[in-house]
Amino acid sequence: MKTLLFAIALVAVLGACSERPQALQTSKQDTPAYSGTDKAFASPGWKQGDKASWESQLKARTQQGQNDYARMN
């Protein structure tokens, strides 16, 4: 009886020591970010593939929503 309990405890302890592989499942991205996606939720003022439009959208988003100094005024 003691050996059975010892065996169960040993399996439980050794099972907790193992770790499953945590491979990051991402797709390979060879294209620049401004080239766009096929998603429908893109920003309305942005033109897909236009680098200047992409940069102006990032600048506007930074100034309007992510700049804490601008929000305090």
N, C-alpha and C. Protein backbone atom coordinates (compact mmCIF):
# COMPACT_ATOMS: atom_id res chain seq x y z
N MET A 1 0.82 -1.19 0.00
CA MET A 1 0.00 0.00 0.00
C MET A 1 0.87 1.26 0.00
N LYS A 2 1.96 1.22 0.82
CA LYS A 2 2.84 2.38 0.87
C LYS A 2 3.54 2.59 -0.46
N THR A 3 3.89 1.52 -1.12
CA THR A 3 4.59 1.67 -2.41
C THR A 3 3.66 2.25 -3.46
N LEU A 4 2.38 1.90 -3.38
CA LEU A 4 1.41 2.45 -4.34
C LEU A 4 1.26 3.95 -4.12
N LEU A 5 1.13 4.38 -2.87
CA LEU A 5 1.02 5.81 -2.57
C LEU A 5 2.31 6.54 -2.94
N PHE A 6 3.45 5.90 -2.70
CA PHE A 6 4.72 6.50 -3.08
C PHE A 6 4.82 6.66 -4.59
N ALA A 7 4.37 5.64 -5.31
CA ALA A 7 4.42 5.69 -6.77
C ALA A 7 3.50 6.78 -7.30
N ILE A 8 2.33 6.94 -6.73
CA ILE A 8 1.40 7.99 -7.17
C ILE A 8 1.98 9.37 -6.86
N ALA A 9 2.55 9.51 -5.67
CA ALA A 9 3.17 10.79 -5.30
C ALA A 9 4.36 11.10 -6.20
N LEU A 10 5.14 10.08 -6.53
CA LEU A 10 6.29 10.28 -7.40
C LEU A 10 5.86 10.72 -8.79
N VAL A 11 4.82 10.12 -9.31
CA VAL A 11 4.31 10.49 -10.64
C VAL A 11 3.78 11.93 -10.61
N ALA A 12 3.08 12.29 -9.54
CA ALA A 12 2.55 13.65 -9.43
C ALA A 12 3.67 14.68 -9.35
N VAL A 13 4.69 14.39 -8.58
CA VAL A 13 5.80 15.33 -8.43
C VAL A 13 6.58 15.44 -9.73
N LEU A 14 6.88 14.33 -10.36
CA LEU A 14 7.62 14.38 -11.61
C LEU A 14 6.80 14.99 -12.74
N GLY A 15 5.50 14.80 -12.70
CA GLY A 15 4.64 15.41 -13.71
C GLY A 15 4.61 16.93 -13.59
N ALA A 16 4.73 17.42 -12.37
CA ALA A 16 4.73 18.87 -12.16
C ALA A 16 6.06 19.49 -12.57
N CYS A 17 7.11 18.71 -12.65
CA CYS A 17 8.43 19.24 -13.00
C CYS A 17 8.60 19.42 -14.50
N SER A 18 7.80 18.76 -15.28
CA SER A 18 7.97 18.88 -16.73
C SER A 18 7.32 20.17 -17.22
N GLU A 19 7.78 20.63 -18.36
CA GLU A 19 7.23 21.85 -18.94
C GLU A 19 6.99 21.61 -20.43
N ARG A 20 5.86 22.03 -20.87
CA ARG A 20 5.54 21.90 -22.30
C ARG A 20 6.30 22.96 -23.08
N PRO A 21 6.67 22.68 -24.31
CA PRO A 21 7.36 23.70 -25.10
C PRO A 21 6.42 24.87 -25.40
N GLN A 22 6.94 26.07 -25.30
CA GLN A 22 6.14 27.26 -25.51
C GLN A 22 6.61 28.00 -26.75
N ALA A 23 6.46 27.38 -27.88
CA ALA A 23 6.90 27.98 -29.14
C ALA A 23 5.93 29.10 -29.53
N LEU A 24 6.48 30.20 -29.97
CA LEU A 24 5.68 31.33 -30.39
C LEU A 24 5.12 31.04 -31.78
N GLN A 25 3.84 31.06 -31.91
CA GLN A 25 3.19 30.74 -33.17
C GLN A 25 2.87 32.02 -33.93
N THR A 26 3.85 32.56 -34.60
CA THR A 26 3.63 33.77 -35.39
C THR A 26 3.91 33.47 -36.85
N SER A 27 3.34 34.28 -37.67
CA SER A 27 3.60 34.12 -39.10
C SER A 27 4.84 34.92 -39.47
N LYS A 28 5.49 34.52 -40.51
CA LYS A 28 6.68 35.21 -40.96
C LYS A 28 6.25 36.52 -41.64
N GLN A 29 6.84 37.62 -41.21
CA GLN A 29 6.45 38.92 -41.74
C GLN A 29 7.62 39.51 -42.52
N ASP A 30 7.56 39.41 -43.82
CA ASP A 30 8.60 39.95 -44.68
C ASP A 30 8.25 41.32 -45.22
N THR A 31 7.03 41.75 -45.02
CA THR A 31 6.59 43.02 -45.58
C THR A 31 6.62 44.10 -44.52
N PRO A 32 6.84 45.34 -44.90
CA PRO A 32 6.81 46.43 -43.92
C PRO A 32 5.40 46.64 -43.38
N ALA A 33 5.31 47.26 -42.22
CA ALA A 33 4.02 47.43 -41.55
C ALA A 33 3.06 48.30 -42.36
N TYR A 34 3.59 49.28 -43.07
CA TYR A 34 2.71 50.18 -43.80
C TYR A 34 2.11 49.55 -45.06
N SER A 35 2.56 48.35 -45.43
CA SER A 35 2.01 47.73 -46.64
C SER A 35 0.58 47.24 -46.43
N GLY A 36 0.19 47.07 -45.18
CA GLY A 36 -1.21 46.80 -44.89
C GLY A 36 -1.55 45.35 -44.66
N THR A 37 -2.81 45.16 -44.36
CA THR A 37 -3.35 43.84 -44.11
C THR A 37 -4.65 43.70 -44.90
N ASP A 38 -5.23 42.56 -44.81
CA ASP A 38 -6.53 42.35 -45.44
C ASP A 38 -7.67 42.55 -44.45
N LYS A 39 -7.39 43.13 -43.31
CA LYS A 39 -8.40 43.32 -42.27
C LYS A 39 -9.25 44.55 -42.57
N ALA A 40 -10.49 44.50 -42.15
CA ALA A 40 -11.41 45.60 -42.43
C ALA A 40 -11.35 46.71 -41.38
N PHE A 41 -10.61 46.53 -40.30
CA PHE A 41 -10.62 47.52 -39.23
C PHE A 41 -9.43 48.47 -39.29
N ALA A 42 -8.98 48.80 -40.46
CA ALA A 42 -7.88 49.76 -40.62
C ALA A 42 -8.40 51.17 -40.35
N SER A 43 -7.50 52.06 -40.01
CA SER A 43 -7.86 53.45 -39.73
C SER A 43 -8.41 54.10 -40.99
N PRO A 44 -9.45 54.95 -40.85
CA PRO A 44 -10.09 55.51 -42.04
C PRO A 44 -9.21 56.43 -42.90
N GLY A 45 -8.22 57.14 -42.31
CA GLY A 45 -7.41 58.06 -43.10
C GLY A 45 -6.17 57.44 -43.69
N TRP A 46 -5.97 56.17 -43.47
CA TRP A 46 -4.75 55.52 -43.90
C TRP A 46 -4.94 54.82 -45.25
N LYS A 47 -3.98 55.01 -46.14
CA LYS A 47 -4.02 54.34 -47.45
C LYS A 47 -3.03 53.18 -47.43
N GLN A 48 -3.49 52.02 -47.78
CA GLN A 48 -2.66 50.83 -47.72
C GLN A 48 -1.50 50.93 -48.69
N GLY A 49 -0.26 50.72 -48.18
CA GLY A 49 0.93 50.76 -49.00
C GLY A 49 1.61 52.12 -49.07
N ASP A 50 1.00 53.16 -48.50
CA ASP A 50 1.57 54.50 -48.53
C ASP A 50 2.32 54.77 -47.23
N LYS A 51 3.63 54.85 -47.31
CA LYS A 51 4.46 55.02 -46.11
C LYS A 51 4.22 56.37 -45.43
N ALA A 52 4.05 57.43 -46.20
CA ALA A 52 3.82 58.76 -45.62
C ALA A 52 2.48 58.80 -44.88
N SER A 53 1.47 58.18 -45.45
CA SER A 53 0.17 58.11 -44.79
C SER A 53 0.25 57.32 -43.50
N TRP A 54 1.02 56.23 -43.52
CA TRP A 54 1.22 55.40 -42.32
C TRP A 54 1.89 56.21 -41.21
N GLU A 55 2.95 56.95 -41.58
CA GLU A 55 3.65 57.74 -40.58
C GLU A 55 2.79 58.86 -40.03
N SER A 56 1.98 59.49 -40.87
CA SER A 56 1.11 60.56 -40.37
C SER A 56 0.03 60.00 -39.45
N GLN A 57 -0.48 58.82 -39.72
CA GLN A 57 -1.46 58.19 -38.83
C GLN A 57 -0.84 57.86 -37.48
N LEU A 58 0.40 57.35 -37.48
CA LEU A 58 1.08 57.06 -36.22
C LEU A 58 1.33 58.33 -35.42
N LYS A 59 1.73 59.40 -36.11
CA LYS A 59 1.98 60.66 -35.42
C LYS A 59 0.70 61.23 -34.83
N ALA A 60 -0.39 61.17 -35.57
CA ALA A 60 -1.67 61.67 -35.07
C ALA A 60 -2.16 60.84 -33.89
N ARG A 61 -2.01 59.55 -33.95
CA ARG A 61 -2.45 58.68 -32.85
C ARG A 61 -1.61 58.96 -31.60
N THR A 62 -0.33 59.19 -31.78
CA THR A 62 0.54 59.48 -30.65
C THR A 62 0.17 60.79 -30.00
N GLN A 63 -0.10 61.81 -30.80
CA GLN A 63 -0.42 63.13 -30.25
C GLN A 63 -1.81 63.18 -29.64
N GLN A 64 -2.77 62.46 -30.19
CA GLN A 64 -4.14 62.56 -29.72
C GLN A 64 -4.45 61.65 -28.54
N GLY A 65 -3.95 60.43 -28.58
CA GLY A 65 -4.39 59.50 -27.56
C GLY A 65 -3.34 58.96 -26.65
N GLN A 66 -2.07 59.03 -27.02
CA GLN A 66 -1.05 58.36 -26.24
C GLN A 66 -0.05 59.35 -25.61
N ASN A 67 -0.27 60.62 -25.76
CA ASN A 67 0.63 61.63 -25.21
C ASN A 67 0.01 62.16 -23.91
N ASP A 68 0.55 61.77 -22.77
CA ASP A 68 -0.01 62.18 -21.49
C ASP A 68 0.14 63.67 -21.24
N TYR A 69 1.17 64.27 -21.80
CA TYR A 69 1.36 65.71 -21.61
C TYR A 69 0.28 66.50 -22.36
N ALA A 70 -0.12 66.04 -23.51
CA ALA A 70 -1.16 66.73 -24.28
C ALA A 70 -2.52 66.55 -23.63
N ARG A 71 -2.76 65.45 -22.97
CA ARG A 71 -4.05 65.19 -22.34
C ARG A 71 -4.30 66.08 -21.12
N MET A 72 -3.26 66.48 -20.44
CA MET A 72 -3.42 67.21 -19.19
C MET A 72 -3.88 68.64 -19.41
N ASN A 73 -3.78 69.17 -20.60
CA ASN A 73 -4.18 70.56 -20.87
C ASN A 73 -5.65 70.67 -21.08
